[in-house]
Amino acid sequence: MGNILYAIMAGCDCSSDKARQYLEDELRHLKELMDLGDFRPSDLVDACSDLGIDNSYVPYFISRLTGI
């Protein structure tokens, strides 16, 4: 998780605690979309954009959401 936190911290110029909170909030949002049946693959790209990070982190979200 470290690399993604550093990327978020750089993107928002925030502390590691704040970056972790943003990341967990985004993961929670994605899980809610999945539970509601409203999840779209583009939501993963949107999550990266919302966090100010590169789309290369999409696999991180996939692994967290699928438990891989």
PDB file of N, CA and C in Angstrom:
ATOM      1  N   MET A   1       0.830  -1.200   0.000  1.00  0.00           N
ATOM      2  CA  MET A   1       0.000   0.000   0.000  1.00  0.00           C
ATOM      3  C   MET A   1       0.864   1.250   0.000  1.00  0.00           C
ATOM      4  N   GLY A   2       2.107   1.117   0.379  1.00  0.00           N
ATOM      5  CA  GLY A   2       2.978   2.273   0.512  1.00  0.00           C
ATOM      6  C   GLY A   2       3.098   3.126  -0.728  1.00  0.00           C
ATOM      7  N   ASN A   3       3.330   2.499  -1.884  1.00  0.00           N
ATOM      8  CA  ASN A   3       3.515   3.266  -3.112  1.00  0.00           C
ATOM      9  C   ASN A   3       2.296   4.097  -3.460  1.00  0.00           C
ATOM     10  N   ILE A   4       1.138   3.536  -3.302  1.00  0.00           N
ATOM     11  CA  ILE A   4      -0.079   4.282  -3.648  1.00  0.00           C
ATOM     12  C   ILE A   4      -0.274   5.445  -2.675  1.00  0.00           C
ATOM     13  N   LEU A   5       0.066   5.239  -1.423  1.00  0.00           N
ATOM     14  CA  LEU A   5      -0.059   6.340  -0.459  1.00  0.00           C
ATOM     15  C   LEU A   5       0.879   7.484  -0.817  1.00  0.00           C
ATOM     16  N   TYR A   6       2.111   7.155  -1.217  1.00  0.00           N
ATOM     17  CA  TYR A   6       3.049   8.207  -1.620  1.00  0.00           C
ATOM     18  C   TYR A   6       2.530   8.968  -2.831  1.00  0.00           C
ATOM     19  N   ALA A   7       1.930   8.241  -3.769  1.00  0.00           N
ATOM     20  CA  ALA A   7       1.374   8.892  -4.958  1.00  0.00           C
ATOM     21  C   ALA A   7       0.224   9.820  -4.575  1.00  0.00           C
ATOM     22  N   ILE A   8      -0.626   9.385  -3.671  1.00  0.00           N
ATOM     23  CA  ILE A   8      -1.742  10.223  -3.226  1.00  0.00           C
ATOM     24  C   ILE A   8      -1.211  11.440  -2.482  1.00  0.00           C
ATOM     25  N   MET A   9      -0.238  11.214  -1.608  1.00  0.00           N
ATOM     26  CA  MET A   9       0.352  12.323  -0.854  1.00  0.00           C
ATOM     27  C   MET A   9       0.945  13.369  -1.791  1.00  0.00           C
ATOM     28  N   ALA A  10       1.608  12.921  -2.844  1.00  0.00           N
ATOM     29  CA  ALA A  10       2.195  13.850  -3.815  1.00  0.00           C
ATOM     30  C   ALA A  10       1.112  14.587  -4.587  1.00  0.00           C
ATOM     31  N   GLY A  11       0.034  13.879  -4.897  1.00  0.00           N
ATOM     32  CA  GLY A  11      -1.043  14.487  -5.674  1.00  0.00           C
ATOM     33  C   GLY A  11      -1.852  15.506  -4.903  1.00  0.00           C
ATOM     34  N   CYS A  12      -2.016  15.287  -3.607  1.00  0.00           N
ATOM     35  CA  CYS A  12      -2.857  16.203  -2.833  1.00  0.00           C
ATOM     36  C   CYS A  12      -2.050  17.043  -1.843  1.00  0.00           C
ATOM     37  N   ASP A  13      -0.733  16.800  -1.801  1.00  0.00           N
ATOM     38  CA  ASP A  13       0.135  17.511  -0.864  1.00  0.00           C
ATOM     39  C   ASP A  13      -0.428  17.402   0.551  1.00  0.00           C
ATOM     40  N   CYS A  14      -0.654  16.156   0.979  1.00  0.00           N
ATOM     41  CA  CYS A  14      -1.264  15.912   2.284  1.00  0.00           C
ATOM     42  C   CYS A  14      -0.430  14.903   3.070  1.00  0.00           C
ATOM     43  N   SER A  15      -0.792  14.719   4.306  1.00  0.00           N
ATOM     44  CA  SER A  15      -0.089  13.778   5.185  1.00  0.00           C
ATOM     45  C   SER A  15      -0.441  12.341   4.818  1.00  0.00           C
ATOM     46  N   SER A  16       0.341  11.407   5.333  1.00  0.00           N
ATOM     47  CA  SER A  16       0.059   9.995   5.070  1.00  0.00           C
ATOM     48  C   SER A  16      -1.269   9.573   5.682  1.00  0.00           C
ATOM     49  N   ASP A  17      -1.605  10.137   6.842  1.00  0.00           N
ATOM     50  CA  ASP A  17      -2.894   9.811   7.458  1.00  0.00           C
ATOM     51  C   ASP A  17      -4.048  10.270   6.585  1.00  0.00           C
ATOM     52  N   LYS A  18      -3.941  11.466   6.048  1.00  0.00           N
ATOM     53  CA  LYS A  18      -5.001  12.005   5.190  1.00  0.00           C
ATOM     54  C   LYS A  18      -5.078  11.195   3.888  1.00  0.00           C
ATOM     55  N   ALA A  19      -3.919  10.840   3.319  1.00  0.00           N
ATOM     56  CA  ALA A  19      -3.901  10.045   2.098  1.00  0.00           C
ATOM     57  C   ALA A  19      -4.548   8.687   2.338  1.00  0.00           C
ATOM     58  N   ARG A  20      -4.259   8.077   3.480  1.00  0.00           N
ATOM     59  CA  ARG A  20      -4.859   6.780   3.819  1.00  0.00           C
ATOM     60  C   ARG A  20      -6.378   6.928   3.948  1.00  0.00           C
ATOM     61  N   GLN A  21      -6.833   8.014   4.537  1.00  0.00           N
ATOM     62  CA  GLN A  21      -8.271   8.261   4.685  1.00  0.00           C
ATOM     63  C   GLN A  21      -8.925   8.416   3.314  1.00  0.00           C
ATOM     64  N   TYR A  22      -8.299   9.184   2.434  1.00  0.00           N
ATOM     65  CA  TYR A  22      -8.833   9.354   1.078  1.00  0.00           C
ATOM     66  C   TYR A  22      -8.927   8.005   0.361  1.00  0.00           C
ATOM     67  N   LEU A  23      -7.878   7.191   0.494  1.00  0.00           N
ATOM     68  CA  LEU A  23      -7.848   5.891  -0.165  1.00  0.00           C
ATOM     69  C   LEU A  23      -8.942   4.978   0.375  1.00  0.00           C
ATOM     70  N   GLU A  24      -9.068   4.909   1.677  1.00  0.00           N
ATOM     71  CA  GLU A  24     -10.103   4.058   2.277  1.00  0.00           C
ATOM     72  C   GLU A  24     -11.502   4.541   1.909  1.00  0.00           C
ATOM     73  N   ASP A  25     -11.691   5.844   1.844  1.00  0.00           N
ATOM     74  CA  ASP A  25     -12.988   6.396   1.425  1.00  0.00           C
ATOM     75  C   ASP A  25     -13.313   5.983  -0.010  1.00  0.00           C
ATOM     76  N   GLU A  26     -12.310   6.040  -0.868  1.00  0.00           N
ATOM     77  CA  GLU A  26     -12.529   5.676  -2.275  1.00  0.00           C
ATOM     78  C   GLU A  26     -12.826   4.184  -2.399  1.00  0.00           C
ATOM     79  N   LEU A  27     -12.112   3.357  -1.649  1.00  0.00           N
ATOM     80  CA  LEU A  27     -12.384   1.918  -1.656  1.00  0.00           C
ATOM     81  C   LEU A  27     -13.788   1.619  -1.139  1.00  0.00           C
ATOM     82  N   ARG A  28     -14.186   2.304  -0.102  1.00  0.00           N
ATOM     83  CA  ARG A  28     -15.534   2.122   0.448  1.00  0.00           C
ATOM     84  C   ARG A  28     -16.587   2.496  -0.594  1.00  0.00           C
ATOM     85  N   HIS A  29     -16.345   3.588  -1.298  1.00  0.00           N
ATOM     86  CA  HIS A  29     -17.276   4.025  -2.341  1.00  0.00           C
ATOM     87  C   HIS A  29     -17.386   2.972  -3.448  1.00  0.00           C
ATOM     88  N   LEU A  30     -16.253   2.435  -3.882  1.00  0.00           N
ATOM     89  CA  LEU A  30     -16.275   1.408  -4.927  1.00  0.00           C
ATOM     90  C   LEU A  30     -17.011   0.156  -4.464  1.00  0.00           C
ATOM     91  N   LYS A  31     -16.794  -0.236  -3.223  1.00  0.00           N
ATOM     92  CA  LYS A  31     -17.488  -1.408  -2.682  1.00  0.00           C
ATOM     93  C   LYS A  31     -18.994  -1.171  -2.608  1.00  0.00           C
ATOM     94  N   GLU A  32     -19.391   0.046  -2.246  1.00  0.00           N
ATOM     95  CA  GLU A  32     -20.824   0.384  -2.208  1.00  0.00           C
ATOM     96  C   GLU A  32     -21.426   0.283  -3.600  1.00  0.00           C
ATOM     97  N   LEU A  33     -20.708   0.776  -4.604  1.00  0.00           N
ATOM     98  CA  LEU A  33     -21.201   0.671  -5.980  1.00  0.00           C
ATOM     99  C   LEU A  33     -21.375  -0.795  -6.380  1.00  0.00           C
ATOM    100  N   MET A  34     -20.420  -1.625  -5.992  1.00  0.00           N
ATOM    101  CA  MET A  34     -20.519  -3.055  -6.303  1.00  0.00           C
ATOM    102  C   MET A  34     -21.725  -3.671  -5.616  1.00  0.00           C
ATOM    103  N   ASP A  35     -21.915  -3.345  -4.351  1.00  0.00           N
ATOM    104  CA  ASP A  35     -23.041  -3.893  -3.600  1.00  0.00           C
ATOM    105  C   ASP A  35     -24.383  -3.475  -4.191  1.00  0.00           C
ATOM    106  N   LEU A  36     -24.438  -2.269  -4.728  1.00  0.00           N
ATOM    107  CA  LEU A  36     -25.670  -1.754  -5.325  1.00  0.00           C
ATOM    108  C   LEU A  36     -25.884  -2.239  -6.758  1.00  0.00           C
ATOM    109  N   GLY A  37     -24.858  -2.857  -7.325  1.00  0.00           N
ATOM    110  CA  GLY A  37     -24.950  -3.299  -8.715  1.00  0.00           C
ATOM    111  C   GLY A  37     -24.755  -2.172  -9.706  1.00  0.00           C
ATOM    112  N   ASP A  38     -24.210  -1.050  -9.241  1.00  0.00           N
ATOM    113  CA  ASP A  38     -24.004   0.109 -10.103  1.00  0.00           C
ATOM    114  C   ASP A  38     -22.550   0.276 -10.537  1.00  0.00           C
ATOM    115  N   PHE A  39     -21.712  -0.706 -10.236  1.00  0.00           N
ATOM    116  CA  PHE A  39     -20.289  -0.617 -10.540  1.00  0.00           C
ATOM    117  C   PHE A  39     -20.046  -0.741 -12.029  1.00  0.00           C
ATOM    118  N   ARG A  40     -19.187   0.132 -12.549  1.00  0.00           N
ATOM    119  CA  ARG A  40     -18.745   0.086 -13.942  1.00  0.00           C
ATOM    120  C   ARG A  40     -17.220   0.066 -13.946  1.00  0.00           C
ATOM    121  N   PRO A  41     -16.592  -0.583 -14.896  1.00  0.00           N
ATOM    122  CA  PRO A  41     -15.125  -0.592 -14.945  1.00  0.00           C
ATOM    123  C   PRO A  41     -14.521   0.815 -14.946  1.00  0.00           C
ATOM    124  N   SER A  42     -15.210   1.752 -15.546  1.00  0.00           N
ATOM    125  CA  SER A  42     -14.688   3.128 -15.576  1.00  0.00           C
ATOM    126  C   SER A  42     -14.625   3.746 -14.182  1.00  0.00           C
ATOM    127  N   ASP A  43     -15.327   3.160 -13.214  1.00  0.00           N
ATOM    128  CA  ASP A  43     -15.253   3.658 -11.835  1.00  0.00           C
ATOM    129  C   ASP A  43     -13.846   3.513 -11.262  1.00  0.00           C
ATOM    130  N   LEU A  44     -13.099   2.523 -11.739  1.00  0.00           N
ATOM    131  CA  LEU A  44     -11.724   2.343 -11.282  1.00  0.00           C
ATOM    132  C   LEU A  44     -10.833   3.480 -11.765  1.00  0.00           C
ATOM    133  N   VAL A  45     -11.035   3.894 -13.002  1.00  0.00           N
ATOM    134  CA  VAL A  45     -10.289   5.031 -13.547  1.00  0.00           C
ATOM    135  C   VAL A  45     -10.711   6.308 -12.826  1.00  0.00           C
ATOM    136  N   ASP A  46     -11.994   6.436 -12.560  1.00  0.00           N
ATOM    137  CA  ASP A  46     -12.490   7.602 -11.821  1.00  0.00           C
ATOM    138  C   ASP A  46     -11.885   7.664 -10.430  1.00  0.00           C
ATOM    139  N   ALA A  47     -11.715   6.520  -9.786  1.00  0.00           N
ATOM    140  CA  ALA A  47     -11.117   6.484  -8.449  1.00  0.00           C
ATOM    141  C   ALA A  47      -9.695   7.023  -8.495  1.00  0.00           C
ATOM    142  N   CYS A  48      -8.944   6.613  -9.495  1.00  0.00           N
ATOM    143  CA  CYS A  48      -7.577   7.120  -9.649  1.00  0.00           C
ATOM    144  C   CYS A  48      -7.595   8.630  -9.863  1.00  0.00           C
ATOM    145  N   SER A  49      -8.470   9.081 -10.722  1.00  0.00           N
ATOM    146  CA  SER A  49      -8.579  10.511 -10.998  1.00  0.00           C
ATOM    147  C   SER A  49      -8.961  11.291  -9.742  1.00  0.00           C
ATOM    148  N   ASP A  50      -9.927  10.762  -8.993  1.00  0.00           N
ATOM    149  CA  ASP A  50     -10.367  11.426  -7.765  1.00  0.00           C
ATOM    150  C   ASP A  50      -9.233  11.571  -6.756  1.00  0.00           C
ATOM    151  N   LEU A  51      -8.336  10.592  -6.750  1.00  0.00           N
ATOM    152  CA  LEU A  51      -7.215  10.608  -5.809  1.00  0.00           C
ATOM    153  C   LEU A  51      -5.991  11.343  -6.358  1.00  0.00           C
ATOM    154  N   GLY A  52      -6.063  11.755  -7.623  1.00  0.00           N
ATOM    155  CA  GLY A  52      -4.949  12.474  -8.228  1.00  0.00           C
ATOM    156  C   GLY A  52      -3.769  11.578  -8.554  1.00  0.00           C
ATOM    157  N   ILE A  53      -4.061  10.309  -8.861  1.00  0.00           N
ATOM    158  CA  ILE A  53      -2.991   9.369  -9.173  1.00  0.00           C
ATOM    159  C   ILE A  53      -3.169   8.823 -10.586  1.00  0.00           C
ATOM    160  N   ASP A  54      -2.114   8.233 -11.088  1.00  0.00           N
ATOM    161  CA  ASP A  54      -2.087   7.675 -12.431  1.00  0.00           C
ATOM    162  C   ASP A  54      -2.973   6.434 -12.531  1.00  0.00           C
ATOM    163  N   ASN A  55      -3.500   6.200 -13.712  1.00  0.00           N
ATOM    164  CA  ASN A  55      -4.349   5.027 -13.940  1.00  0.00           C
ATOM    165  C   ASN A  55      -3.605   3.707 -13.785  1.00  0.00           C
ATOM    166  N   SER A  56      -2.300   3.765 -13.658  1.00  0.00           N
ATOM    167  CA  SER A  56      -1.531   2.530 -13.473  1.00  0.00           C
ATOM    168  C   SER A  56      -1.846   1.873 -12.128  1.00  0.00           C
ATOM    169  N   TYR A  57      -2.569   2.565 -11.265  1.00  0.00           N
ATOM    170  CA  TYR A  57      -2.967   2.009  -9.975  1.00  0.00           C
ATOM    171  C   TYR A  57      -4.299   1.255 -10.026  1.00  0.00           C
ATOM    172  N   VAL A  58      -4.921   1.180 -11.191  1.00  0.00           N
ATOM    173  CA  VAL A  58      -6.168   0.429 -11.331  1.00  0.00           C
ATOM    174  C   VAL A  58      -6.018  -1.011 -10.820  1.00  0.00           C
ATOM    175  N   PRO A  59      -4.921  -1.717 -11.144  1.00  0.00           N
ATOM    176  CA  PRO A  59      -4.777  -3.088 -10.617  1.00  0.00           C
ATOM    177  C   PRO A  59      -4.797  -3.155  -9.083  1.00  0.00           C
ATOM    178  N   TYR A  60      -4.318  -2.124  -8.428  1.00  0.00           N
ATOM    179  CA  TYR A  60      -4.373  -2.093  -6.962  1.00  0.00           C
ATOM    180  C   TYR A  60      -5.831  -2.151  -6.500  1.00  0.00           C
ATOM    181  N   PHE A  61      -6.671  -1.345  -7.108  1.00  0.00           N
ATOM    182  CA  PHE A  61      -8.091  -1.332  -6.736  1.00  0.00           C
ATOM    183  C   PHE A  61      -8.758  -2.663  -7.049  1.00  0.00           C
ATOM    184  N   ILE A  62      -8.413  -3.245  -8.186  1.00  0.00           N
ATOM    185  CA  ILE A  62      -8.988  -4.544  -8.548  1.00  0.00           C
ATOM    186  C   ILE A  62      -8.619  -5.588  -7.501  1.00  0.00           C
ATOM    187  N   SER A  63      -7.354  -5.596  -7.103  1.00  0.00           N
ATOM    188  CA  SER A  63      -6.928  -6.592  -6.121  1.00  0.00           C
ATOM    189  C   SER A  63      -7.589  -6.366  -4.767  1.00  0.00           C
ATOM    190  N   ARG A  64      -7.762  -5.126  -4.375  1.00  0.00           N
ATOM    191  CA  ARG A  64      -8.416  -4.851  -3.098  1.00  0.00           C
ATOM    192  C   ARG A  64      -9.903  -5.215  -3.121  1.00  0.00           C
ATOM    193  N   LEU A  65     -10.553  -4.980  -4.249  1.00  0.00           N
ATOM    194  CA  LEU A  65     -11.978  -5.259  -4.359  1.00  0.00           C
ATOM    195  C   LEU A  65     -12.288  -6.735  -4.521  1.00  0.00           C
ATOM    196  N   THR A  66     -11.343  -7.466  -5.116  1.00  0.00           N
ATOM    197  CA  THR A  66     -11.584  -8.884  -5.350  1.00  0.00           C
ATOM    198  C   THR A  66     -10.910  -9.774  -4.308  1.00  0.00           C
ATOM    199  N   GLY A  67     -10.085  -9.175  -3.474  1.00  0.00           N
ATOM    200  CA  GLY A  67      -9.419  -9.944  -2.433  1.00  0.00           C
ATOM    201  C   GLY A  67      -8.256 -10.774  -2.926  1.00  0.00           C
ATOM    202  N   ILE A  68      -7.759 -10.459  -4.110  1.00  0.00           N
ATOM    203  CA  ILE A  68      -6.618 -11.201  -4.677  1.00  0.00           C
ATOM    204  C   ILE A  68      -5.342 -10.768  -3.982  1.00  0.00           C
TER     205      ILE A  68
END
